[in-house]
């Protein structure tokens, strides 16, 4: 599989007239512009090629209207933007009061409405989206149907992997990736749909075959302001979809059931669930899980550790059933599940203690992660963690409280401080530490990881939480290479442990 950046993805060069592209869509397009033919569509001025339509969106952080002149200089054939924009260019301007919706519909049309030809499963929730997407793809792959994935780690379009900066790409790139999946003869795609994407209309042009809800807890309140607003954004995915799959063990899942459309499958551990799951045995290498649906029961050896992964497995299998797979094939497809990058990812170098890297960066995710690791009865549980800058400050002490309550040793450090002072972020988190004696503050994340590894003993568990699969750290406005996994491996080698196992 080749790893490529978005900038290097081959652009589709299909030509279409503006009249065809916007037919039936609410835009103001002067008649003299309708026959102009475009060779591509983008909302990123850096990607503009000669003949492209540039869509200038006033975004949450970046105002695309400021880049209209740049797009014109790169050869844009026309611009779609909102009324009232101060424009200094000679290229045709098309206006709409709802640019985001028009962008989504136009991109869907330009790329040939690929989501109507693929089976597209949308997954939303605070935690578990990535693992559920990977498990869903594993299930269908076990039946000979290859699926793609779009999400936090990136976009797997079949023959290559594309790095992505967002959990859910913009409306243009979603359609571009789905179209490329069709060209690669993929049967379906699992898409992580974030609350930001739903609020900003990035997924409006996608025809989802199913929607899956994993859970909801405090996160992104710097954007949504409160949990109810956060929930309302998530709920939009379920308003018009053929199959709704909902975790009813979650209080917000129970609320969502009342509003979901289409065929409803409720999953959970209780008797009210249609699709039930439970754990019979568990160790650090996996679990023996039991699933039941419509009177049938199946036990399987599931290769991923952690109680939270049992919920992810149920979400994936229940969705597969909702999409037409038999209960037996859906559950048995979990047996061959592969590891998910940065999700309870083991770092094995032959050492007599366990080291995991995990993306958990919310109070709920940390609590579930550490509670699962406690089930393995380590001699001591060590945790390296930090809180992200320019994000919800209120969750920082709550995260710290969860960690300090469940861990024996805490190494409080930086995550991605972004434009905030790392020391100020740490001070916010320290307010939640229940026992300062077990907590050591080490601002430099690399030093924190190295210090923790130097202090772990036989039979202990160390978890490095917060960044998971990320291979960067953002300090100020600079993104530099940084990998929790590589730093951990390097330090283990220095301590005399062998090659990767």
Protein backbone atom coordinates (compact mmCIF):
# COMPACT_ATOMS: atom_id res chain seq x y z
CA UNK A 1 0.00 0.00 0.00
CA UNK A 2 1.42 3.39 -0.97
CA UNK A 3 1.15 6.25 1.49
CA UNK A 4 0.32 9.52 -0.22
CA UNK A 5 -0.66 13.01 0.83
CA UNK A 6 -3.87 14.64 -0.34
CA UNK A 7 -1.80 16.99 -2.50
CA UNK A 8 -0.51 14.06 -4.57
CA UNK A 9 -3.85 12.40 -5.25
CA UNK A 10 -4.57 12.28 -8.97
CA UNK A 11 -7.40 14.68 -9.78
CA UNK A 12 -10.31 13.58 -11.92
CA UNK A 13 -10.30 15.52 -15.20
CA UNK A 14 -13.90 14.95 -16.27
CA UNK A 15 -15.40 18.04 -17.87
CA UNK A 16 -18.90 19.29 -17.12
CA UNK A 17 -20.67 22.57 -17.81
CA UNK A 18 -21.67 24.82 -14.93
CA UNK A 19 -25.26 24.58 -16.14
CA UNK A 20 -25.18 20.79 -15.81
CA UNK A 21 -23.37 20.91 -12.47
CA UNK A 22 -25.83 23.28 -10.82
CA UNK A 23 -29.05 22.15 -12.48
CA UNK A 24 -31.80 22.15 -9.85
CA UNK A 25 -29.44 23.47 -7.16
CA UNK A 26 -30.25 26.81 -5.55
CA UNK A 27 -27.53 29.10 -6.92
CA UNK A 28 -27.50 32.40 -8.83
CA UNK A 29 -25.70 31.70 -12.09
CA UNK A 30 -25.87 34.24 -14.93
CA UNK A 31 -26.97 32.66 -18.19
CA UNK A 32 -23.73 33.59 -19.96
CA UNK A 33 -21.81 31.33 -17.56
CA UNK A 34 -23.89 28.15 -17.93
CA UNK A 35 -21.85 26.75 -20.84
CA UNK A 36 -18.48 27.22 -19.15
CA UNK A 37 -16.92 23.80 -18.72
CA UNK A 38 -14.90 22.94 -15.64
CA UNK A 39 -12.23 20.25 -15.31
CA UNK A 40 -12.40 19.76 -11.55
CA UNK A 41 -13.83 21.05 -8.31
CA UNK A 42 -12.06 22.02 -5.07
CA UNK A 43 -12.52 24.11 -1.94
CA UNK A 44 -8.76 24.31 -1.32
CA UNK A 45 -7.06 27.11 -3.25
CA UNK A 46 -3.74 25.23 -3.06
CA UNK A 47 -5.22 22.40 -5.12
CA UNK A 48 -6.64 24.56 -7.92
CA UNK A 49 -5.69 23.48 -11.44
CA UNK A 50 -6.46 25.17 -14.73
CA UNK A 51 -10.17 24.95 -15.50
CA UNK A 52 -11.29 24.08 -11.95
CA UNK A 53 -14.27 25.46 -10.06
CA UNK A 54 -13.06 26.96 -6.79
CA UNK A 55 -15.59 26.95 -3.96
CA UNK A 56 -14.77 29.69 -1.45
CA UNK A 57 -16.29 28.80 1.92
CA UNK A 58 -16.23 31.00 5.02
CA UNK A 59 -14.95 28.24 7.33
CA UNK A 60 -14.80 27.98 11.11
CA UNK A 61 -11.07 28.74 11.22
CA UNK A 62 -10.18 29.75 7.65
CA UNK A 63 -12.14 32.03 5.33
CA UNK A 64 -11.79 30.58 1.84
CA UNK A 65 -13.03 33.84 0.33
CA UNK A 66 -9.63 35.37 1.05
CA UNK A 67 -8.07 33.01 -1.49
CA UNK A 68 -10.24 33.80 -4.51
CA UNK A 69 -7.50 35.88 -6.17
CA UNK A 70 -4.98 33.09 -5.58
CA UNK A 71 -7.35 30.55 -7.15
CA UNK A 72 -7.87 32.82 -10.14
CA UNK A 73 -4.11 33.18 -10.62
CA UNK A 74 -3.81 29.38 -10.68
CA UNK A 75 -6.31 29.13 -13.53
CA UNK A 76 -9.69 28.63 -11.85
CA UNK A 77 -12.48 28.81 -14.43
CA UNK A 78 -15.12 30.05 -11.97
CA UNK A 79 -15.77 30.67 -8.29
CA UNK A 80 -18.73 29.70 -6.10
CA UNK A 81 -19.08 31.82 -2.97
CA UNK A 82 -21.56 33.69 -0.79
CA UNK A 83 -23.15 37.10 -1.55
CA UNK A 84 -21.51 40.17 -0.10
CA UNK A 85 -17.97 38.93 -0.74
CA UNK A 86 -15.59 41.67 -1.83
CA UNK A 87 -14.17 40.10 -5.00
CA UNK A 88 -11.45 41.49 -7.24
CA UNK A 89 -11.19 39.10 -10.14
CA UNK A 90 -12.34 38.81 -13.75
CA UNK A 91 -13.38 35.14 -13.63
CA UNK A 92 -17.09 34.21 -13.39
CA UNK A 93 -18.61 34.37 -9.90
CA UNK A 94 -21.55 32.16 -8.85
CA UNK A 95 -23.41 33.07 -5.68
CA UNK A 96 -25.32 31.06 -3.10
CA UNK A 97 -26.71 31.81 0.36
CA UNK A 98 -25.85 28.23 1.39
CA UNK A 99 -22.42 27.53 -0.04
CA UNK A 100 -21.79 24.45 2.11
CA UNK A 101 -24.91 22.65 0.90
CA UNK A 102 -24.23 23.60 -2.72
CA UNK A 103 -20.64 22.39 -2.38
CA UNK A 104 -21.78 18.98 -1.11
CA UNK A 105 -24.43 18.55 -3.82
CA UNK A 106 -22.18 19.80 -6.62
CA UNK A 107 -19.29 17.54 -5.55
CA UNK A 108 -21.63 14.54 -5.41
CA UNK A 109 -22.83 15.30 -8.93
CA UNK A 110 -19.40 16.04 -10.37
CA UNK A 111 -17.94 12.74 -9.16
CA UNK A 112 -20.90 10.73 -10.43
CA UNK A 113 -22.83 10.22 -7.19
CA UNK A 114 -20.56 7.38 -5.99
CA UNK A 115 -22.36 6.79 -2.68
CA UNK A 116 -25.38 5.57 -4.67
CA UNK A 117 -23.24 2.77 -6.11
CA UNK A 118 -21.26 1.85 -2.99
CA UNK A 119 -22.61 0.61 0.34
CA UNK A 120 -21.63 3.48 2.64
CA UNK A 121 -21.83 3.02 6.40
CA UNK A 122 -21.58 6.14 8.57
CA UNK A 123 -20.26 5.85 12.14
CA UNK A 124 -20.55 8.61 14.72
CA UNK A 125 -19.93 8.93 18.46
CA UNK A 126 -17.29 10.31 20.80
CA UNK A 127 -15.17 7.17 21.06
CA UNK A 128 -14.79 3.98 19.06
CA UNK A 129 -15.44 5.32 15.56
CA UNK A 130 -12.08 4.33 14.12
CA UNK A 131 -11.98 0.81 15.56
CA UNK A 132 -15.60 0.19 14.55
CA UNK A 133 -14.82 1.29 10.99
CA UNK A 134 -11.80 -1.02 10.82
CA UNK A 135 -13.78 -3.93 12.24
CA UNK A 136 -16.60 -3.33 9.79
CA UNK A 137 -14.16 -3.42 6.88
CA UNK A 138 -12.60 -6.61 8.30
CA UNK A 139 -16.02 -8.28 8.52
CA UNK A 140 -16.92 -7.57 4.90
CA UNK A 141 -13.42 -8.42 3.69
CA UNK A 142 -13.82 -11.85 5.30
CA UNK A 143 -16.73 -12.46 2.91
CA UNK A 144 -14.69 -11.44 -0.14
CA UNK A 145 -16.07 -7.90 -0.35
CA UNK A 146 -13.31 -5.34 0.00
CA UNK A 147 -14.27 -2.15 1.81
CA UNK A 148 -12.57 1.20 2.07
CA UNK A 149 -12.30 3.40 5.16
CA UNK A 150 -12.43 7.15 5.70
CA UNK A 151 -11.59 8.49 9.13
CA UNK A 152 -9.23 9.84 11.73
CA UNK A 153 -6.22 7.78 10.70
CA UNK A 154 -6.72 8.55 7.01
CA UNK A 155 -8.45 7.23 3.91
CA UNK A 156 -7.95 3.68 2.64
CA UNK A 157 -9.23 3.73 -0.92
CA UNK A 158 -8.18 0.23 -1.91
CA UNK A 159 -4.78 0.47 -3.52
CA UNK A 160 -3.34 3.31 -1.43
CA UNK A 161 -3.67 5.19 1.80
CA UNK A 162 -4.19 8.95 1.90
CA UNK A 163 -3.23 10.99 4.94
CA UNK A 164 -5.93 13.33 6.18
CA UNK A 165 -6.02 16.18 8.68
CA UNK A 166 -9.63 15.67 9.78
CA UNK A 167 -11.71 12.75 11.00
CA UNK A 168 -14.13 13.47 8.15
CA UNK A 169 -12.70 15.17 5.03
CA UNK A 170 -14.35 18.12 3.32
CA UNK A 171 -17.34 17.60 1.06
CA UNK A 172 -15.27 17.56 -2.13
CA UNK A 173 -12.69 15.06 -0.94
CA UNK A 174 -15.31 12.68 0.48
CA UNK A 175 -16.84 12.37 -2.99
CA UNK A 176 -13.43 12.14 -4.66
CA UNK A 177 -12.37 9.27 -2.41
CA UNK A 178 -15.66 7.41 -2.84
CA UNK A 179 -15.32 7.76 -6.63
CA UNK A 180 -11.80 6.33 -6.48
CA UNK A 181 -13.06 3.41 -4.39
CA UNK A 182 -15.56 2.63 -7.13
CA UNK A 183 -12.75 2.69 -9.68
CA UNK A 184 -10.89 0.18 -7.50
CA UNK A 185 -13.97 -2.09 -7.45
CA UNK A 186 -14.56 -1.76 -3.73
CA UNK A 187 -17.99 -2.86 -2.50
CA UNK A 188 -18.42 -0.37 0.34
CA UNK A 189 -16.90 2.14 2.67
CA UNK A 190 -17.03 2.80 6.42
CA UNK A 191 -16.90 6.53 7.12
CA UNK A 192 -16.28 8.12 10.51
CA UNK A 193 -18.67 11.07 10.62
CA UNK A 194 -17.61 13.68 13.16
CA UNK A 195 -19.89 16.17 14.87
CA UNK A 196 -17.96 18.98 13.15
CA UNK A 197 -18.59 17.39 9.75
CA UNK A 198 -22.31 17.03 10.46
CA UNK A 199 -22.60 20.59 11.76
CA UNK A 200 -20.69 21.97 8.77
CA UNK A 201 -22.54 19.87 6.19
CA UNK A 202 -19.45 18.05 4.87
CA UNK A 203 -21.36 14.77 4.47
CA UNK A 204 -24.56 16.24 2.98
CA UNK A 205 -23.90 14.78 -0.47
CA UNK A 206 -23.35 11.25 0.82
CA UNK A 207 -26.17 8.70 0.62
CA UNK A 208 -25.59 6.54 3.68
CA UNK A 209 -26.84 2.96 3.72
CA UNK A 210 -26.55 2.87 7.51
CA UNK A 211 -25.74 5.05 10.52
CA UNK A 212 -24.09 3.69 13.68
CA UNK A 213 -23.90 5.42 17.08
CA UNK A 214 -21.15 4.25 19.46
CA UNK A 215 -21.47 6.55 22.50
CA UNK A 216 -21.35 10.18 23.58
CA UNK A 217 -19.36 11.87 26.34
CA UNK A 218 -17.63 15.18 26.92
CA UNK A 219 -15.52 16.32 23.98
CA UNK A 220 -15.39 19.20 21.50
CA UNK A 221 -17.25 21.56 23.82
CA UNK A 222 -14.94 24.35 22.64
CA UNK A 223 -16.94 24.05 19.39
CA UNK A 224 -20.41 22.87 20.43
CA UNK A 225 -20.58 24.71 23.80
CA UNK A 226 -22.64 22.04 25.58
CA UNK A 227 -23.40 18.32 25.44
CA UNK A 228 -26.92 18.80 24.11
CA UNK A 229 -25.62 20.76 21.11
CA UNK A 230 -22.95 18.11 20.59
CA UNK A 231 -25.63 15.40 20.64
CA UNK A 232 -27.86 17.31 18.22
CA UNK A 233 -25.01 17.46 15.72
CA UNK A 234 -24.49 13.68 16.00
CA UNK A 235 -28.22 13.01 15.68
CA UNK A 236 -28.34 14.56 12.21
CA UNK A 237 -26.80 11.42 10.75
CA UNK A 238 -29.91 9.43 11.73
CA UNK A 239 -32.68 11.61 10.30
CA UNK A 240 -32.96 9.95 6.89
CA UNK A 241 -31.07 6.66 6.67
CA UNK A 242 -32.28 3.13 5.81
CA UNK A 243 -30.62 1.41 8.80
CA UNK A 244 -29.91 2.85 12.27
CA UNK A 245 -27.63 0.92 14.67
CA UNK A 246 -27.53 2.40 18.16
CA UNK A 247 -25.77 1.61 21.44
CA UNK A 248 -28.58 1.64 23.99
CA UNK A 249 -26.22 1.20 26.93
CA UNK A 250 -25.39 4.87 26.41
CA UNK A 251 -27.91 7.42 27.79
CA UNK A 252 -27.71 9.47 24.60
CA UNK A 253 -28.21 6.30 22.58
CA UNK A 254 -31.53 5.80 24.35
CA UNK A 255 -32.53 9.34 23.39
CA UNK A 256 -31.45 8.75 19.80
CA UNK A 257 -33.61 5.62 19.45
CA UNK A 258 -36.72 7.80 19.60
CA UNK A 259 -35.54 9.85 16.63
CA UNK A 260 -33.79 7.31 14.41
CA UNK A 261 -35.15 6.44 10.99
CA UNK A 262 -35.32 3.21 8.99
CA UNK A 263 -34.70 -0.27 10.33
CA UNK A 264 -33.50 -0.02 13.92
CA UNK A 265 -31.00 -2.38 15.55
CA UNK A 266 -30.29 -1.68 19.21
CA UNK A 267 -27.07 -3.20 20.51
CA UNK A 268 -25.85 -3.52 24.08
CA UNK A 269 -25.28 -5.86 26.98
CA UNK A 270 -28.81 -5.64 28.45
CA UNK A 271 -32.01 -7.52 27.65
CA UNK A 272 -33.50 -4.52 25.85
CA UNK A 273 -30.91 -4.86 23.09
CA UNK A 274 -31.73 -6.60 19.81
CA UNK A 275 -28.08 -7.47 19.27
CA UNK A 276 -26.46 -8.49 22.58
CA UNK A 277 -22.86 -9.12 23.51
CA UNK A 278 -20.92 -10.19 26.56
CA UNK A 279 -17.42 -11.25 27.59
CA UNK A 280 -16.79 -14.70 29.01
CA UNK A 281 -13.00 -14.49 29.31
CA UNK A 282 -10.41 -11.78 28.71
CA UNK A 283 -6.65 -11.39 28.76
CA UNK A 284 -4.12 -8.95 27.43
CA UNK A 285 -4.13 -10.64 24.02
CA UNK A 286 -7.88 -10.85 23.38
CA UNK A 287 -11.26 -12.01 24.60
CA UNK A 288 -13.81 -14.79 24.39
CA UNK A 289 -17.00 -12.98 23.38
CA UNK A 290 -20.60 -14.13 23.19
CA UNK A 291 -23.09 -12.58 20.76
CA UNK A 292 -26.81 -13.21 20.48
CA UNK A 293 -29.38 -12.08 17.92
CA UNK A 294 -32.92 -13.28 17.25
CA UNK A 295 -32.51 -16.46 19.29
CA UNK A 296 -29.09 -17.43 17.93
CA UNK A 297 -25.87 -17.38 19.96
CA UNK A 298 -22.25 -17.50 18.83
CA UNK A 299 -19.01 -17.51 20.85
CA UNK A 300 -15.80 -16.33 19.21
CA UNK A 301 -12.17 -15.69 20.09
CA UNK A 302 -11.79 -11.94 19.46
CA UNK A 303 -8.17 -10.86 18.97
CA UNK A 304 -8.40 -7.30 20.32
CA UNK A 305 -8.04 -6.68 24.08
CA UNK A 306 -10.05 -4.22 26.15
CA UNK A 307 -13.69 -4.04 27.27
CA UNK A 308 -14.34 -0.98 25.12
CA UNK A 309 -13.38 -3.03 22.07
CA UNK A 310 -16.20 -5.45 22.86
CA UNK A 311 -18.62 -2.58 22.29
CA UNK A 312 -16.84 -1.67 19.05
CA UNK A 313 -17.08 -5.29 17.89
CA UNK A 314 -20.81 -5.36 18.61
CA UNK A 315 -21.32 -2.06 16.78
CA UNK A 316 -19.53 -3.37 13.69
CA UNK A 317 -21.23 -6.77 13.64
CA UNK A 318 -24.70 -5.33 14.28
CA UNK A 319 -24.21 -2.87 11.42
CA UNK A 320 -23.09 -5.66 9.10
CA UNK A 321 -26.28 -7.55 9.96
CA UNK A 322 -28.31 -4.42 9.28
CA UNK A 323 -26.67 -4.17 5.87
CA UNK A 324 -27.75 -7.69 4.95
CA UNK A 325 -24.98 -9.98 6.16
CA UNK A 326 -26.04 -13.05 8.11
CA UNK A 327 -25.53 -13.05 11.87
CA UNK A 328 -23.07 -15.93 11.56
CA UNK A 329 -20.92 -14.24 8.91
CA UNK A 330 -20.97 -10.89 10.69
CA UNK A 331 -19.80 -12.30 14.01
CA UNK A 332 -17.32 -14.80 12.58
CA UNK A 333 -15.81 -12.01 10.51
CA UNK A 334 -14.50 -10.51 13.73
CA UNK A 335 -12.18 -13.47 14.32
CA UNK A 336 -9.61 -12.20 11.86
CA UNK A 337 -9.69 -8.57 12.95
CA UNK A 338 -6.34 -6.89 12.66
CA UNK A 339 -4.81 -4.34 15.03
CA UNK A 340 -5.91 -0.73 14.62
CA UNK A 341 -3.06 1.81 14.58
CA UNK A 342 -2.90 3.76 17.82
CA UNK A 343 -5.84 1.96 19.43
CA UNK A 344 -4.46 -0.05 22.34
CA UNK A 345 -1.52 -0.71 20.04
CA UNK A 346 1.07 -2.94 21.72
CA UNK A 347 4.75 -2.04 21.55
CA UNK A 348 6.48 -5.41 21.79
CA UNK A 349 10.27 -5.58 21.98
CA UNK A 350 10.59 -8.66 24.16
CA UNK A 351 10.32 -6.72 27.42
CA UNK A 352 8.76 -8.38 30.52
CA UNK A 353 6.11 -5.67 30.85
CA UNK A 354 3.41 -4.37 28.53
CA UNK A 355 3.53 -1.05 26.69
CA UNK A 356 0.47 0.26 24.83
CA UNK A 357 -0.11 3.38 22.75
CA UNK A 358 -3.70 4.60 22.63
CA UNK A 359 -5.60 7.58 21.20
CA UNK A 360 -7.80 8.03 24.31
CA UNK A 361 -8.09 11.78 24.87
CA UNK A 362 -11.47 12.25 26.56
CA UNK A 363 -12.48 11.53 30.18
CA UNK A 364 -14.75 8.66 29.16
CA UNK A 365 -12.20 7.08 26.83
CA UNK A 366 -9.46 7.25 29.46
CA UNK A 367 -11.69 5.77 32.14
CA UNK A 368 -12.74 2.88 29.88
CA UNK A 369 -9.19 2.28 28.70
CA UNK A 370 -7.64 2.22 32.17
CA UNK A 371 -10.50 0.18 33.66
CA UNK A 372 -9.89 -2.41 30.94
CA UNK A 373 -6.17 -2.50 31.66
CA UNK A 374 -6.92 -2.92 35.38
CA UNK A 375 -8.80 -6.12 34.47
CA UNK A 376 -5.44 -7.61 33.42
CA UNK A 377 -4.22 -7.21 37.04
CA UNK A 378 -0.86 -5.55 36.42
CA UNK A 379 1.54 -5.12 39.31
CA UNK A 380 1.45 -1.40 38.61
CA UNK A 381 -0.33 0.71 35.97
CA UNK A 382 1.72 3.62 34.58
CA UNK A 383 0.10 6.31 32.39
CA UNK A 384 1.66 9.05 30.27
CA UNK A 385 -0.93 11.60 29.18
CA UNK A 386 -1.54 15.25 28.40
CA UNK A 387 -4.35 17.53 27.19
CA UNK A 388 -4.61 19.23 23.82
CA UNK A 389 -4.29 22.98 23.50
CA UNK A 390 -6.91 25.25 21.86
CA UNK A 391 -9.56 22.70 22.81
CA UNK A 392 -12.16 22.23 25.55
CA UNK A 393 -10.45 23.39 28.76
CA UNK A 394 -13.22 22.04 30.99
CA UNK A 395 -12.39 18.42 30.26
CA UNK A 396 -8.73 18.72 31.35
CA UNK A 397 -9.20 18.24 35.13
CA UNK A 398 -11.82 15.56 34.44
CA UNK A 399 -9.30 13.65 32.29
CA UNK A 400 -6.68 14.01 35.02
CA UNK A 401 -9.10 12.80 37.68
CA UNK A 402 -9.87 9.67 35.66
CA UNK A 403 -6.18 8.92 35.16
CA UNK A 404 -5.06 9.61 38.73
CA UNK A 405 -7.93 7.55 40.15
CA UNK A 406 -7.12 4.45 38.09
CA UNK A 407 -3.32 4.63 37.61
CA UNK A 408 -0.56 3.90 40.11
CA UNK A 409 1.91 6.29 38.46
CA UNK A 410 1.01 9.32 36.35
CA UNK A 411 3.34 11.24 34.04
CA UNK A 412 1.54 14.46 33.12
CA UNK A 413 3.00 15.95 29.96
CA UNK A 414 2.15 17.81 26.75
CA UNK A 415 -0.11 16.47 24.01
CA UNK A 416 -0.52 18.93 21.13
CA UNK A 417 -0.30 22.28 22.95
CA UNK A 418 -0.88 24.21 19.73
CA UNK A 419 -0.94 27.95 20.46
CA UNK A 420 -1.52 27.60 24.21
CA UNK A 421 1.21 27.73 26.84
CA UNK A 422 1.99 24.06 27.70
CA UNK A 423 2.50 24.98 31.35
CA UNK A 424 -0.97 26.56 31.52
CA UNK A 425 -2.53 23.41 30.04
CA UNK A 426 -0.76 21.27 32.61
CA UNK A 427 -1.92 23.57 35.42
CA UNK A 428 -5.52 23.08 34.25
CA UNK A 429 -5.07 19.32 34.34
CA UNK A 430 -3.37 19.33 37.75
CA UNK A 431 -6.60 20.58 39.32
CA UNK A 432 -8.06 17.11 38.76
CA UNK A 433 -5.18 15.04 40.11
CA UNK A 434 -6.47 13.31 43.22
CA UNK A 435 -3.06 12.30 44.59
CA UNK A 436 -0.14 14.57 43.71
CA UNK A 437 2.35 12.05 45.17
CA UNK A 438 1.70 9.64 42.31
CA UNK A 439 1.96 12.35 39.63
CA UNK A 440 5.12 13.67 38.03
CA UNK A 441 4.96 16.65 35.67
CA UNK A 442 7.32 16.36 32.68
CA UNK A 443 6.42 18.94 30.04
CA UNK A 444 8.55 17.44 27.27
CA UNK A 445 6.54 14.47 25.95
CA UNK A 446 9.56 12.52 24.70
CA UNK A 447 11.26 12.81 28.08
CA UNK A 448 8.02 11.80 29.83
CA UNK A 449 7.79 8.61 27.74
CA UNK A 450 11.46 7.77 28.31
CA UNK A 451 11.14 8.40 32.06
CA UNK A 452 8.06 6.19 32.33
CA UNK A 453 9.72 3.32 30.45
CA UNK A 454 12.79 3.55 32.67
CA UNK A 455 10.60 3.04 35.74
CA UNK A 456 8.34 0.21 34.56
CA UNK A 457 9.04 -3.17 36.19
CA UNK A 458 8.24 -6.79 35.38
CA UNK A 459 4.49 -7.42 35.28
CA UNK A 460 3.61 -3.73 34.97
CA UNK A 461 1.60 -2.04 32.22
CA UNK A 462 2.48 1.31 30.69
CA UNK A 463 -0.04 3.13 28.50
CA UNK A 464 0.94 6.21 26.50
CA UNK A 465 -2.35 7.97 25.91
CA UNK A 466 -3.70 10.82 23.83
CA UNK A 467 -1.99 10.80 20.44
CA UNK A 468 -2.25 7.20 19.29
CA UNK A 469 -1.60 6.92 15.56
CA UNK A 470 -0.50 10.55 15.19
CA UNK A 471 3.03 11.02 13.88
CA UNK A 472 3.32 14.68 14.75
CA UNK A 473 3.14 17.15 17.59
CA UNK A 474 1.79 20.68 17.12
CA UNK A 475 3.64 23.29 19.17
CA UNK A 476 2.58 26.85 18.41
CA UNK A 477 1.67 26.73 14.74
CA UNK A 478 4.46 24.30 13.83
CA UNK A 479 3.76 20.63 13.17
CA UNK A 480 6.84 18.48 13.75
CA UNK A 481 7.40 14.75 13.43
CA UNK A 482 6.64 12.93 16.66
CA UNK A 483 5.64 9.30 17.22
CA UNK A 484 4.83 7.84 20.63
CA UNK A 485 5.45 4.36 19.18
CA UNK A 486 8.89 5.18 17.79
CA UNK A 487 10.03 6.93 20.97
CA UNK A 488 8.90 3.96 23.05
CA UNK A 489 10.69 1.48 20.77
CA UNK A 490 13.86 3.55 20.79
CA UNK A 491 13.91 3.71 24.58
CA UNK A 492 13.26 -0.03 24.89
CA UNK A 493 16.22 -0.70 22.60
CA UNK A 494 18.42 1.47 24.80
CA UNK A 495 17.38 -0.67 27.75
CA UNK A 496 18.64 -3.75 25.91
CA UNK A 497 15.45 -5.27 24.58
CA UNK A 498 15.54 -6.94 21.18
CA UNK A 499 14.07 -6.42 17.76
CA UNK A 500 10.38 -5.72 17.13
CA UNK A 501 8.28 -8.73 18.09
